[in-house]
Amino acid sequence: MLAWERFRALKAMGITPGVLHLNEGHSGFAVLEALNSRMQEEGIAFDSAVPRVSREVVFTTHTPVPAGPRPAFDADVIEEHLGPLRDKMGLSQDTLMGLGREKPSTSRRLFV
């Protein structure tokens, strides 16, 4: 089960995690779930949810250097799978893609 799926499962059981400990590939999707959840529960905008959720996220890694190829997703794939969540959160496609870019302001079309 991926991190975002675990987050959804906990929420479905009425459990709100106090801390999201992330250490797997593309665990950032769990952060999107947490942001959306906070936005819906508190009736706040994305920009207000970010600082609240960021205090509750811890990321650790066992390999602090690039090791092997890491998956990168084209904007069309991200839109296909995350478009409904993006719409619900009121984000533009470019803003969502910027969250997955090493340099958010670049026009690179891959979400890494």
PDB file of N, CA and C in Angstrom:
ATOM      1  N   MET A   1       0.853  -1.170   0.000  1.00  0.00           N
ATOM      2  CA  MET A   1       0.000   0.000   0.000  1.00  0.00           C
ATOM      3  C   MET A   1       0.905   1.241   0.000  1.00  0.00           C
ATOM      4  N   LEU A   2       0.628   2.164  -0.881  1.00  0.00           N
ATOM      5  CA  LEU A   2       1.407   3.393  -0.992  1.00  0.00           C
ATOM      6  C   LEU A   2       1.019   4.374   0.104  1.00  0.00           C
ATOM      7  N   ALA A   3       1.890   5.348   0.346  1.00  0.00           N
ATOM      8  CA  ALA A   3       1.683   6.310   1.435  1.00  0.00           C
ATOM      9  C   ALA A   3       0.344   7.025   1.319  1.00  0.00           C
ATOM     10  N   TRP A   4      -0.029   7.459   0.126  1.00  0.00           N
ATOM     11  CA  TRP A   4      -1.299   8.182  -0.014  1.00  0.00           C
ATOM     12  C   TRP A   4      -2.482   7.257   0.231  1.00  0.00           C
ATOM     13  N   GLU A   5      -2.335   5.978  -0.098  1.00  0.00           N
ATOM     14  CA  GLU A   5      -3.404   5.024   0.166  1.00  0.00           C
ATOM     15  C   GLU A   5      -3.536   4.777   1.674  1.00  0.00           C
ATOM     16  N   ARG A   6      -2.403   4.712   2.382  1.00  0.00           N
ATOM     17  CA  ARG A   6      -2.437   4.553   3.839  1.00  0.00           C
ATOM     18  C   ARG A   6      -3.096   5.764   4.486  1.00  0.00           C
ATOM     19  N   PHE A   7      -2.793   6.962   3.968  1.00  0.00           N
ATOM     20  CA  PHE A   7      -3.400   8.171   4.511  1.00  0.00           C
ATOM     21  C   PHE A   7      -4.919   8.108   4.343  1.00  0.00           C
ATOM     22  N   ARG A   8      -5.376   7.763   3.151  1.00  0.00           N
ATOM     23  CA  ARG A   8      -6.823   7.654   2.899  1.00  0.00           C
ATOM     24  C   ARG A   8      -7.462   6.596   3.799  1.00  0.00           C
ATOM     25  N   ALA A   9      -6.775   5.459   3.966  1.00  0.00           N
ATOM     26  CA  ALA A   9      -7.326   4.383   4.798  1.00  0.00           C
ATOM     27  C   ALA A   9      -7.469   4.850   6.252  1.00  0.00           C
ATOM     28  N   LEU A  10      -6.469   5.532   6.772  1.00  0.00           N
ATOM     29  CA  LEU A  10      -6.551   6.044   8.140  1.00  0.00           C
ATOM     30  C   LEU A  10      -7.709   7.026   8.283  1.00  0.00           C
ATOM     31  N   LYS A  11      -7.831   7.939   7.332  1.00  0.00           N
ATOM     32  CA  LYS A  11      -8.916   8.921   7.382  1.00  0.00           C
ATOM     33  C   LYS A  11     -10.279   8.224   7.325  1.00  0.00           C
ATOM     34  N   ALA A  12     -10.392   7.178   6.517  1.00  0.00           N
ATOM     35  CA  ALA A  12     -11.648   6.439   6.411  1.00  0.00           C
ATOM     36  C   ALA A  12     -12.010   5.767   7.730  1.00  0.00           C
ATOM     37  N   MET A  13     -10.991   5.445   8.542  1.00  0.00           N
ATOM     38  CA  MET A  13     -11.232   4.853   9.862  1.00  0.00           C
ATOM     39  C   MET A  13     -11.416   5.911  10.945  1.00  0.00           C
ATOM     40  N   GLY A  14     -11.414   7.191  10.535  1.00  0.00           N
ATOM     41  CA  GLY A  14     -11.592   8.264  11.509  1.00  0.00           C
ATOM     42  C   GLY A  14     -10.319   8.655  12.229  1.00  0.00           C
ATOM     43  N   ILE A  15      -9.180   8.254  11.693  1.00  0.00           N
ATOM     44  CA  ILE A  15      -7.884   8.561  12.305  1.00  0.00           C
ATOM     45  C   ILE A  15      -7.195   9.641  11.486  1.00  0.00           C
ATOM     46  N   THR A  16      -6.815  10.732  12.143  1.00  0.00           N
ATOM     47  CA  THR A  16      -6.052  11.780  11.480  1.00  0.00           C
ATOM     48  C   THR A  16      -4.616  11.697  11.985  1.00  0.00           C
ATOM     49  N   PRO A  17      -3.688  11.318  11.104  1.00  0.00           N
ATOM     50  CA  PRO A  17      -2.295  11.207  11.545  1.00  0.00           C
ATOM     51  C   PRO A  17      -1.764  12.551  12.034  1.00  0.00           C
ATOM     52  N   GLY A  18      -1.029  12.529  13.136  1.00  0.00           N
ATOM     53  CA  GLY A  18      -0.412  13.749  13.650  1.00  0.00           C
ATOM     54  C   GLY A  18       0.867  14.080  12.907  1.00  0.00           C
ATOM     55  N   VAL A  19       1.510  13.041  12.377  1.00  0.00           N
ATOM     56  CA  VAL A  19       2.754  13.208  11.627  1.00  0.00           C
ATOM     57  C   VAL A  19       2.717  12.252  10.442  1.00  0.00           C
ATOM     58  N   LEU A  20       3.144  12.745   9.300  1.00  0.00           N
ATOM     59  CA  LEU A  20       3.323  11.882   8.130  1.00  0.00           C
ATOM     60  C   LEU A  20       4.810  11.624   7.999  1.00  0.00           C
ATOM     61  N   HIS A  21       5.239  10.394   8.258  1.00  0.00           N
ATOM     62  CA  HIS A  21       6.643  10.025   8.083  1.00  0.00           C
ATOM     63  C   HIS A  21       6.769   9.367   6.724  1.00  0.00           C
ATOM     64  N   LEU A  22       7.475  10.036   5.836  1.00  0.00           N
ATOM     65  CA  LEU A  22       7.592   9.590   4.454  1.00  0.00           C
ATOM     66  C   LEU A  22       9.022   9.189   4.152  1.00  0.00           C
ATOM     67  N   ASN A  23       9.185   8.100   3.435  1.00  0.00           N
ATOM     68  CA  ASN A  23      10.532   7.703   3.014  1.00  0.00           C
ATOM     69  C   ASN A  23      10.513   6.812   1.782  1.00  0.00           C
ATOM     70  N   GLU A  24       9.493   6.917   0.992  1.00  0.00           N
ATOM     71  CA  GLU A  24       9.421   6.083  -0.195  1.00  0.00           C
ATOM     72  C   GLU A  24       9.264   6.942  -1.434  1.00  0.00           C
ATOM     73  N   GLY A  25       9.483   6.356  -2.591  1.00  0.00           N
ATOM     74  CA  GLY A  25       9.336   7.087  -3.836  1.00  0.00           C
ATOM     75  C   GLY A  25       7.938   7.639  -4.010  1.00  0.00           C
ATOM     76  N   HIS A  26       7.865   8.865  -4.448  1.00  0.00           N
ATOM     77  CA  HIS A  26       6.612   9.568  -4.718  1.00  0.00           C
ATOM     78  C   HIS A  26       5.668   9.605  -3.524  1.00  0.00           C
ATOM     79  N   SER A  27       6.245   9.667  -2.340  1.00  0.00           N
ATOM     80  CA  SER A  27       5.415   9.784  -1.141  1.00  0.00           C
ATOM     81  C   SER A  27       4.778  11.166  -1.052  1.00  0.00           C
ATOM     82  N   GLY A  28       5.208  12.078  -1.898  1.00  0.00           N
ATOM     83  CA  GLY A  28       4.600  13.405  -1.937  1.00  0.00           C
ATOM     84  C   GLY A  28       3.121  13.368  -2.252  1.00  0.00           C
ATOM     85  N   PHE A  29       2.660  12.290  -2.885  1.00  0.00           N
ATOM     86  CA  PHE A  29       1.236  12.175  -3.160  1.00  0.00           C
ATOM     87  C   PHE A  29       0.445  12.119  -1.856  1.00  0.00           C
ATOM     88  N   ALA A  30       1.041  11.555  -0.799  1.00  0.00           N
ATOM     89  CA  ALA A  30       0.385  11.539   0.518  1.00  0.00           C
ATOM     90  C   ALA A  30       0.244  12.957   1.050  1.00  0.00           C
ATOM     91  N   VAL A  31       1.213  13.799   0.756  1.00  0.00           N
ATOM     92  CA  VAL A  31       1.139  15.195   1.190  1.00  0.00           C
ATOM     93  C   VAL A  31      -0.025  15.895   0.480  1.00  0.00           C
ATOM     94  N   LEU A  32      -0.221  15.596  -0.810  1.00  0.00           N
ATOM     95  CA  LEU A  32      -1.364  16.163  -1.522  1.00  0.00           C
ATOM     96  C   LEU A  32      -2.672  15.731  -0.867  1.00  0.00           C
ATOM     97  N   GLU A  33      -2.746  14.473  -0.470  1.00  0.00           N
ATOM     98  CA  GLU A  33      -3.948  13.986   0.220  1.00  0.00           C
ATOM     99  C   GLU A  33      -4.147  14.731   1.537  1.00  0.00           C
ATOM    100  N   ALA A  34      -3.056  14.934   2.274  1.00  0.00           N
ATOM    101  CA  ALA A  34      -3.147  15.645   3.555  1.00  0.00           C
ATOM    102  C   ALA A  34      -3.566  17.097   3.331  1.00  0.00           C
ATOM    103  N   LEU A  35      -3.027  17.730   2.315  1.00  0.00           N
ATOM    104  CA  LEU A  35      -3.411  19.108   2.003  1.00  0.00           C
ATOM    105  C   LEU A  35      -4.894  19.192   1.652  1.00  0.00           C
ATOM    106  N   ASN A  36      -5.339  18.294   0.788  1.00  0.00           N
ATOM    107  CA  ASN A  36      -6.744  18.298   0.401  1.00  0.00           C
ATOM    108  C   ASN A  36      -7.639  18.059   1.617  1.00  0.00           C
ATOM    109  N   SER A  37      -7.257  17.130   2.452  1.00  0.00           N
ATOM    110  CA  SER A  37      -8.038  16.830   3.645  1.00  0.00           C
ATOM    111  C   SER A  37      -8.145  18.059   4.547  1.00  0.00           C
ATOM    112  N   ARG A  38      -7.018  18.724   4.771  1.00  0.00           N
ATOM    113  CA  ARG A  38      -7.011  19.921   5.618  1.00  0.00           C
ATOM    114  C   ARG A  38      -7.872  21.022   5.004  1.00  0.00           C
ATOM    115  N   MET A  39      -7.763  21.191   3.693  1.00  0.00           N
ATOM    116  CA  MET A  39      -8.553  22.221   3.014  1.00  0.00           C
ATOM    117  C   MET A  39     -10.047  21.960   3.191  1.00  0.00           C
ATOM    118  N   GLN A  40     -10.456  20.703   3.017  1.00  0.00           N
ATOM    119  CA  GLN A  40     -11.875  20.355   3.113  1.00  0.00           C
ATOM    120  C   GLN A  40     -12.380  20.466   4.550  1.00  0.00           C
ATOM    121  N   GLU A  41     -11.590  19.960   5.499  1.00  0.00           N
ATOM    122  CA  GLU A  41     -12.022  19.947   6.901  1.00  0.00           C
ATOM    123  C   GLU A  41     -12.104  21.349   7.503  1.00  0.00           C
ATOM    124  N   GLU A  42     -11.150  22.204   7.130  1.00  0.00           N
ATOM    125  CA  GLU A  42     -11.091  23.534   7.736  1.00  0.00           C
ATOM    126  C   GLU A  42     -11.650  24.624   6.835  1.00  0.00           C
ATOM    127  N   GLY A  43     -12.013  24.257   5.609  1.00  0.00           N
ATOM    128  CA  GLY A  43     -12.554  25.248   4.684  1.00  0.00           C
ATOM    129  C   GLY A  43     -11.558  26.337   4.328  1.00  0.00           C
ATOM    130  N   ILE A  44     -10.298  25.931   4.157  1.00  0.00           N
ATOM    131  CA  ILE A  44      -9.238  26.900   3.869  1.00  0.00           C
ATOM    132  C   ILE A  44      -8.673  26.669   2.474  1.00  0.00           C
ATOM    133  N   ALA A  45      -7.965  27.665   1.980  1.00  0.00           N
ATOM    134  CA  ALA A  45      -7.340  27.593   0.657  1.00  0.00           C
ATOM    135  C   ALA A  45      -6.014  26.841   0.733  1.00  0.00           C
ATOM    136  N   PHE A  46      -5.544  26.430  -0.424  1.00  0.00           N
ATOM    137  CA  PHE A  46      -4.278  25.701  -0.548  1.00  0.00           C
ATOM    138  C   PHE A  46      -3.146  26.445   0.149  1.00  0.00           C
ATOM    139  N   ASP A  47      -3.011  27.745  -0.119  1.00  0.00           N
ATOM    140  CA  ASP A  47      -1.909  28.524   0.458  1.00  0.00           C
ATOM    141  C   ASP A  47      -1.953  28.570   1.982  1.00  0.00           C
ATOM    142  N   SER A  48      -3.118  28.445   2.562  1.00  0.00           N
ATOM    143  CA  SER A  48      -3.238  28.405   4.019  1.00  0.00           C
ATOM    144  C   SER A  48      -2.971  27.005   4.561  1.00  0.00           C
ATOM    145  N   ALA A  49      -3.285  25.991   3.780  1.00  0.00           N
ATOM    146  CA  ALA A  49      -3.085  24.606   4.219  1.00  0.00           C
ATOM    147  C   ALA A  49      -1.615  24.207   4.196  1.00  0.00           C
ATOM    148  N   VAL A  50      -0.844  24.751   3.257  1.00  0.00           N
ATOM    149  CA  VAL A  50       0.555  24.335   3.106  1.00  0.00           C
ATOM    150  C   VAL A  50       1.368  24.505   4.397  1.00  0.00           C
ATOM    151  N   PRO A  51       1.379  25.672   5.034  1.00  0.00           N
ATOM    152  CA  PRO A  51       2.206  25.777   6.253  1.00  0.00           C
ATOM    153  C   PRO A  51       1.695  24.895   7.393  1.00  0.00           C
ATOM    154  N   ARG A  52       0.415  24.651   7.450  1.00  0.00           N
ATOM    155  CA  ARG A  52      -0.132  23.798   8.514  1.00  0.00           C
ATOM    156  C   ARG A  52       0.290  22.348   8.321  1.00  0.00           C
ATOM    157  N   VAL A  53       0.186  21.865   7.089  1.00  0.00           N
ATOM    158  CA  VAL A  53       0.539  20.475   6.806  1.00  0.00           C
ATOM    159  C   VAL A  53       2.051  20.282   6.839  1.00  0.00           C
ATOM    160  N   SER A  54       2.811  21.262   6.380  1.00  0.00           N
ATOM    161  CA  SER A  54       4.266  21.093   6.324  1.00  0.00           C
ATOM    162  C   SER A  54       4.874  20.867   7.711  1.00  0.00           C
ATOM    163  N   ARG A  55       4.233  21.369   8.752  1.00  0.00           N
ATOM    164  CA  ARG A  55       4.721  21.140  10.120  1.00  0.00           C
ATOM    165  C   ARG A  55       4.535  19.695  10.558  1.00  0.00           C
ATOM    166  N   GLU A  56       3.734  18.951   9.823  1.00  0.00           N
ATOM    167  CA  GLU A  56       3.393  17.583  10.205  1.00  0.00           C
ATOM    168  C   GLU A  56       4.034  16.530   9.300  1.00  0.00           C
ATOM    169  N   VAL A  57       4.959  16.945   8.438  1.00  0.00           N
ATOM    170  CA  VAL A  57       5.581  16.030   7.489  1.00  0.00           C
ATOM    171  C   VAL A  57       7.066  15.889   7.797  1.00  0.00           C
ATOM    172  N   VAL A  58       7.506  14.632   7.875  1.00  0.00           N
ATOM    173  CA  VAL A  58       8.919  14.323   8.080  1.00  0.00           C
ATOM    174  C   VAL A  58       9.327  13.372   6.972  1.00  0.00           C
ATOM    175  N   PHE A  59      10.408  13.691   6.289  1.00  0.00           N
ATOM    176  CA  PHE A  59      10.910  12.818   5.229  1.00  0.00           C
ATOM    177  C   PHE A  59      12.298  12.343   5.612  1.00  0.00           C
ATOM    178  N   THR A  60      12.502  11.039   5.552  1.00  0.00           N
ATOM    179  CA  THR A  60      13.830  10.477   5.789  1.00  0.00           C
ATOM    180  C   THR A  60      14.209   9.636   4.586  1.00  0.00           C
ATOM    181  N   THR A  61      15.492   9.457   4.410  1.00  0.00           N
ATOM    182  CA  THR A  61      15.976   8.633   3.308  1.00  0.00           C
ATOM    183  C   THR A  61      17.144   7.790   3.793  1.00  0.00           C
ATOM    184  N   HIS A  62      17.265   6.618   3.217  1.00  0.00           N
ATOM    185  CA  HIS A  62      18.371   5.730   3.555  1.00  0.00           C
ATOM    186  C   HIS A  62      19.527   5.913   2.584  1.00  0.00           C
ATOM    187  N   THR A  63      19.254   6.507   1.444  1.00  0.00           N
ATOM    188  CA  THR A  63      20.264   6.708   0.411  1.00  0.00           C
ATOM    189  C   THR A  63      20.242   8.178   0.006  1.00  0.00           C
ATOM    190  N   PRO A  64      21.041   9.020   0.679  1.00  0.00           N
ATOM    191  CA  PRO A  64      20.964  10.464   0.424  1.00  0.00           C
ATOM    192  C   PRO A  64      21.658  10.933  -0.856  1.00  0.00           C
ATOM    193  N   VAL A  65      21.908  10.035  -1.772  1.00  0.00           N
ATOM    194  CA  VAL A  65      22.481  10.393  -3.069  1.00  0.00           C
ATOM    195  C   VAL A  65      21.599   9.759  -4.138  1.00  0.00           C
ATOM    196  N   PRO A  66      21.563  10.350  -5.324  1.00  0.00           N
ATOM    197  CA  PRO A  66      20.772   9.727  -6.392  1.00  0.00           C
ATOM    198  C   PRO A  66      21.232   8.292  -6.631  1.00  0.00           C
ATOM    199  N   ALA A  67      20.314   7.359  -6.603  1.00  0.00           N
ATOM    200  CA  ALA A  67      20.650   5.941  -6.777  1.00  0.00           C
ATOM    201  C   ALA A  67      19.721   5.337  -7.818  1.00  0.00           C
ATOM    202  N   GLY A  68      20.245   5.140  -8.990  1.00  0.00           N
ATOM    203  CA  GLY A  68      19.443   4.525 -10.034  1.00  0.00           C
ATOM    204  C   GLY A  68      18.389   5.465 -10.586  1.00  0.00           C
ATOM    205  N   PRO A  69      17.704   5.006 -11.611  1.00  0.00           N
ATOM    206  CA  PRO A  69      16.680   5.860 -12.219  1.00  0.00           C
ATOM    207  C   PRO A  69      15.481   6.008 -11.289  1.00  0.00           C
ATOM    208  N   ARG A  70      14.930   7.175 -11.259  1.00  0.00           N
ATOM    209  CA  ARG A  70      13.700   7.366 -10.490  1.00  0.00           C
ATOM    210  C   ARG A  70      12.593   7.713 -11.458  1.00  0.00           C
ATOM    211  N   PRO A  71      11.409   7.255 -11.163  1.00  0.00           N
ATOM    212  CA  PRO A  71      10.299   7.483 -12.088  1.00  0.00           C
ATOM    213  C   PRO A  71       9.985   8.966 -12.252  1.00  0.00           C
ATOM    214  N   ALA A  72       9.622   9.332 -13.435  1.00  0.00           N
ATOM    215  CA  ALA A  72       9.158  10.685 -13.732  1.00  0.00           C
ATOM    216  C   ALA A  72       7.884  10.536 -14.555  1.00  0.00           C
ATOM    217  N   PHE A  73       6.895  11.368 -14.234  1.00  0.00           N
ATOM    218  CA  PHE A  73       5.595  11.245 -14.876  1.00  0.00           C
ATOM    219  C   PHE A  73       5.327  12.446 -15.767  1.00  0.00           C
ATOM    220  N   ASP A  74       4.861  12.178 -16.962  1.00  0.00           N
ATOM    221  CA  ASP A  74       4.471  13.211 -17.906  1.00  0.00           C
ATOM    222  C   ASP A  74       3.235  13.932 -17.377  1.00  0.00           C
ATOM    223  N   ALA A  75       3.077  15.181 -17.774  1.00  0.00           N
ATOM    224  CA  ALA A  75       1.938  15.991 -17.329  1.00  0.00           C
ATOM    225  C   ALA A  75       0.602  15.325 -17.661  1.00  0.00           C
ATOM    226  N   ASP A  76       0.524  14.631 -18.792  1.00  0.00           N
ATOM    227  CA  ASP A  76      -0.730  13.971 -19.169  1.00  0.00           C
ATOM    228  C   ASP A  76      -1.091  12.844 -18.197  1.00  0.00           C
ATOM    229  N   VAL A  77      -0.081  12.111 -17.722  1.00  0.00           N
ATOM    230  CA  VAL A  77      -0.319  11.026 -16.765  1.00  0.00           C
ATOM    231  C   VAL A  77      -0.745  11.610 -15.419  1.00  0.00           C
ATOM    232  N   ILE A  78      -0.069  12.668 -14.992  1.00  0.00           N
ATOM    233  CA  ILE A  78      -0.438  13.325 -13.732  1.00  0.00           C
ATOM    234  C   ILE A  78      -1.865  13.845 -13.827  1.00  0.00           C
ATOM    235  N   GLU A  79      -2.196  14.460 -14.936  1.00  0.00           N
ATOM    236  CA  GLU A  79      -3.547  15.005 -15.102  1.00  0.00           C
ATOM    237  C   GLU A  79      -4.594  13.890 -15.101  1.00  0.00           C
ATOM    238  N   GLU A  80      -4.286  12.792 -15.755  1.00  0.00           N
ATOM    239  CA  GLU A  80      -5.228  11.669 -15.805  1.00  0.00           C
ATOM    240  C   GLU A  80      -5.541  11.142 -14.401  1.00  0.00           C
ATOM    241  N   HIS A  81      -4.512  11.031 -13.571  1.00  0.00           N
ATOM    242  CA  HIS A  81      -4.692  10.421 -12.254  1.00  0.00           C
ATOM    243  C   HIS A  81      -4.979  11.423 -11.135  1.00  0.00           C
ATOM    244  N   LEU A  82      -4.421  12.618 -11.250  1.00  0.00           N
ATOM    245  CA  LEU A  82      -4.584  13.601 -10.184  1.00  0.00           C
ATOM    246  C   LEU A  82      -5.450  14.792 -10.571  1.00  0.00           C
ATOM    247  N   GLY A  83      -5.927  14.817 -11.810  1.00  0.00           N
ATOM    248  CA  GLY A  83      -6.757  15.930 -12.266  1.00  0.00           C
ATOM    249  C   GLY A  83      -7.966  16.193 -11.375  1.00  0.00           C
ATOM    250  N   PRO A  84      -8.731  15.143 -11.002  1.00  0.00           N
ATOM    251  CA  PRO A  84      -9.877  15.392 -10.121  1.00  0.00           C
ATOM    252  C   PRO A  84      -9.468  15.971  -8.758  1.00  0.00           C
ATOM    253  N   LEU A  85      -8.378  15.479  -8.189  1.00  0.00           N
ATOM    254  CA  LEU A  85      -7.891  16.026  -6.916  1.00  0.00           C
ATOM    255  C   LEU A  85      -7.420  17.465  -7.107  1.00  0.00           C
ATOM    256  N   ARG A  86      -6.715  17.719  -8.209  1.00  0.00           N
ATOM    257  CA  ARG A  86      -6.237  19.066  -8.521  1.00  0.00           C
ATOM    258  C   ARG A  86      -7.411  20.031  -8.617  1.00  0.00           C
ATOM    259  N   ASP A  87      -8.461  19.617  -9.329  1.00  0.00           N
ATOM    260  CA  ASP A  87      -9.665  20.454  -9.452  1.00  0.00           C
ATOM    261  C   ASP A  87     -10.281  20.722  -8.083  1.00  0.00           C
ATOM    262  N   LYS A  88     -10.404  19.682  -7.285  1.00  0.00           N
ATOM    263  CA  LYS A  88     -11.002  19.801  -5.954  1.00  0.00           C
ATOM    264  C   LYS A  88     -10.218  20.782  -5.086  1.00  0.00           C
ATOM    265  N   MET A  89      -8.900  20.809  -5.277  1.00  0.00           N
ATOM    266  CA  MET A  89      -8.035  21.684  -4.488  1.00  0.00           C
ATOM    267  C   MET A  89      -7.946  23.086  -5.078  1.00  0.00           C
ATOM    268  N   GLY A  90      -8.496  23.276  -6.287  1.00  0.00           N
ATOM    269  CA  GLY A  90      -8.476  24.586  -6.921  1.00  0.00           C
ATOM    270  C   GLY A  90      -7.117  24.982  -7.461  1.00  0.00           C
ATOM    271  N   LEU A  91      -6.322  24.001  -7.865  1.00  0.00           N
ATOM    272  CA  LEU A  91      -4.981  24.268  -8.384  1.00  0.00           C
ATOM    273  C   LEU A  91      -4.983  24.207  -9.902  1.00  0.00           C
ATOM    274  N   SER A  92      -4.133  25.006 -10.521  1.00  0.00           N
ATOM    275  CA  SER A  92      -3.946  24.897 -11.962  1.00  0.00           C
ATOM    276  C   SER A  92      -3.034  23.696 -12.235  1.00  0.00           C
ATOM    277  N   GLN A  93      -3.053  23.226 -13.459  1.00  0.00           N
ATOM    278  CA  GLN A  93      -2.169  22.107 -13.818  1.00  0.00           C
ATOM    279  C   GLN A  93      -0.712  22.521 -13.643  1.00  0.00           C
ATOM    280  N   ASP A  94      -0.374  23.750 -14.004  1.00  0.00           N
ATOM    281  CA  ASP A  94       1.000  24.210 -13.874  1.00  0.00           C
ATOM    282  C   ASP A  94       1.438  24.266 -12.407  1.00  0.00           C
ATOM    283  N   THR A  95       0.539  24.691 -11.517  1.00  0.00           N
ATOM    284  CA  THR A  95       0.876  24.736 -10.089  1.00  0.00           C
ATOM    285  C   THR A  95       1.123  23.329  -9.561  1.00  0.00           C
ATOM    286  N   LEU A  96       0.236  22.393  -9.912  1.00  0.00           N
ATOM    287  CA  LEU A  96       0.427  21.017  -9.466  1.00  0.00           C
ATOM    288  C   LEU A  96       1.730  20.449 -10.003  1.00  0.00           C
ATOM    289  N   MET A  97       2.000  20.654 -11.279  1.00  0.00           N
ATOM    290  CA  MET A  97       3.240  20.149 -11.861  1.00  0.00           C
ATOM    291  C   MET A  97       4.456  20.791 -11.196  1.00  0.00           C
ATOM    292  N   GLY A  98       4.347  22.062 -10.829  1.00  0.00           N
ATOM    293  CA  GLY A  98       5.447  22.741 -10.152  1.00  0.00           C
ATOM    294  C   GLY A  98       5.795  22.092  -8.827  1.00  0.00           C
ATOM    295  N   LEU A  99       4.809  21.505  -8.169  1.00  0.00           N
ATOM    296  CA  LEU A  99       5.055  20.820  -6.900  1.00  0.00           C
ATOM    297  C   LEU A  99       5.933  19.585  -7.093  1.00  0.00           C
ATOM    298  N   GLY A 100       5.934  19.037  -8.299  1.00  0.00           N
ATOM    299  CA  GLY A 100       6.715  17.835  -8.567  1.00  0.00           C
ATOM    300  C   GLY A 100       7.980  18.074  -9.362  1.00  0.00           C
ATOM    301  N   ARG A 101       8.318  19.315  -9.567  1.00  0.00           N
ATOM    302  CA  ARG A 101       9.548  19.646 -10.309  1.00  0.00           C
ATOM    303  C   ARG A 101      10.656  20.012  -9.331  1.00  0.00           C
ATOM    304  N   GLU A 102      11.879  19.687  -9.710  1.00  0.00           N
ATOM    305  CA  GLU A 102      13.016  20.095  -8.882  1.00  0.00           C
ATOM    306  C   GLU A 102      13.125  21.612  -8.848  1.00  0.00           C
ATOM    307  N   LYS A 103      12.833  22.246  -9.964  1.00  0.00           N
ATOM    308  CA  LYS A 103      12.793  23.710 -10.058  1.00  0.00           C
ATOM    309  C   LYS A 103      11.374  24.064 -10.490  1.00  0.00           C
ATOM    310  N   PRO A 104      10.499  24.423  -9.530  1.00  0.00           N
ATOM    311  CA  PRO A 104       9.079  24.614  -9.830  1.00  0.00           C
ATOM    312  C   PRO A 104       8.772  25.586 -10.956  1.00  0.00           C
ATOM    313  N   SER A 105       9.603  26.594 -11.166  1.00  0.00           N
ATOM    314  CA  SER A 105       9.284  27.606 -12.171  1.00  0.00           C
ATOM    315  C   SER A 105       9.688  27.208 -13.588  1.00  0.00           C
ATOM    316  N   THR A 106      10.365  26.068 -13.754  1.00  0.00           N
ATOM    317  CA  THR A 106      10.738  25.641 -15.106  1.00  0.00           C
ATOM    318  C   THR A 106       9.523  25.109 -15.829  1.00  0.00           C
ATOM    319  N   SER A 107       9.606  25.052 -17.125  1.00  0.00           N
ATOM    320  CA  SER A 107       8.472  24.544 -17.901  1.00  0.00           C
ATOM    321  C   SER A 107       8.638  23.055 -18.209  1.00  0.00           C
ATOM    322  N   ARG A 108       9.593  22.420 -17.556  1.00  0.00           N
ATOM    323  CA  ARG A 108       9.787  20.986 -17.759  1.00  0.00           C
ATOM    324  C   ARG A 108       8.471  20.256 -17.480  1.00  0.00           C
ATOM    325  N   ARG A 109       8.112  19.346 -18.343  1.00  0.00           N
ATOM    326  CA  ARG A 109       6.793  18.727 -18.253  1.00  0.00           C
ATOM    327  C   ARG A 109       6.775  17.458 -17.411  1.00  0.00           C
ATOM    328  N   LEU A 110       7.854  17.123 -16.723  1.00  0.00           N
ATOM    329  CA  LEU A 110       7.866  15.887 -15.942  1.00  0.00           C
ATOM    330  C   LEU A 110       7.708  16.161 -14.451  1.00  0.00           C
ATOM    331  N   PHE A 111       6.954  15.306 -13.801  1.00  0.00           N
ATOM    332  CA  PHE A 111       6.729  15.338 -12.362  1.00  0.00           C
ATOM    333  C   PHE A 111       7.631  14.253 -11.799  1.00  0.00           C
ATOM    334  N   VAL A 112       8.628  14.650 -11.005  1.00  0.00           N
ATOM    335  CA  VAL A 112       9.603  13.665 -10.497  1.00  0.00           C
ATOM    336  C   VAL A 112       9.481  13.446  -9.018  1.00  0.00           C
TER     337      VAL A 112
END
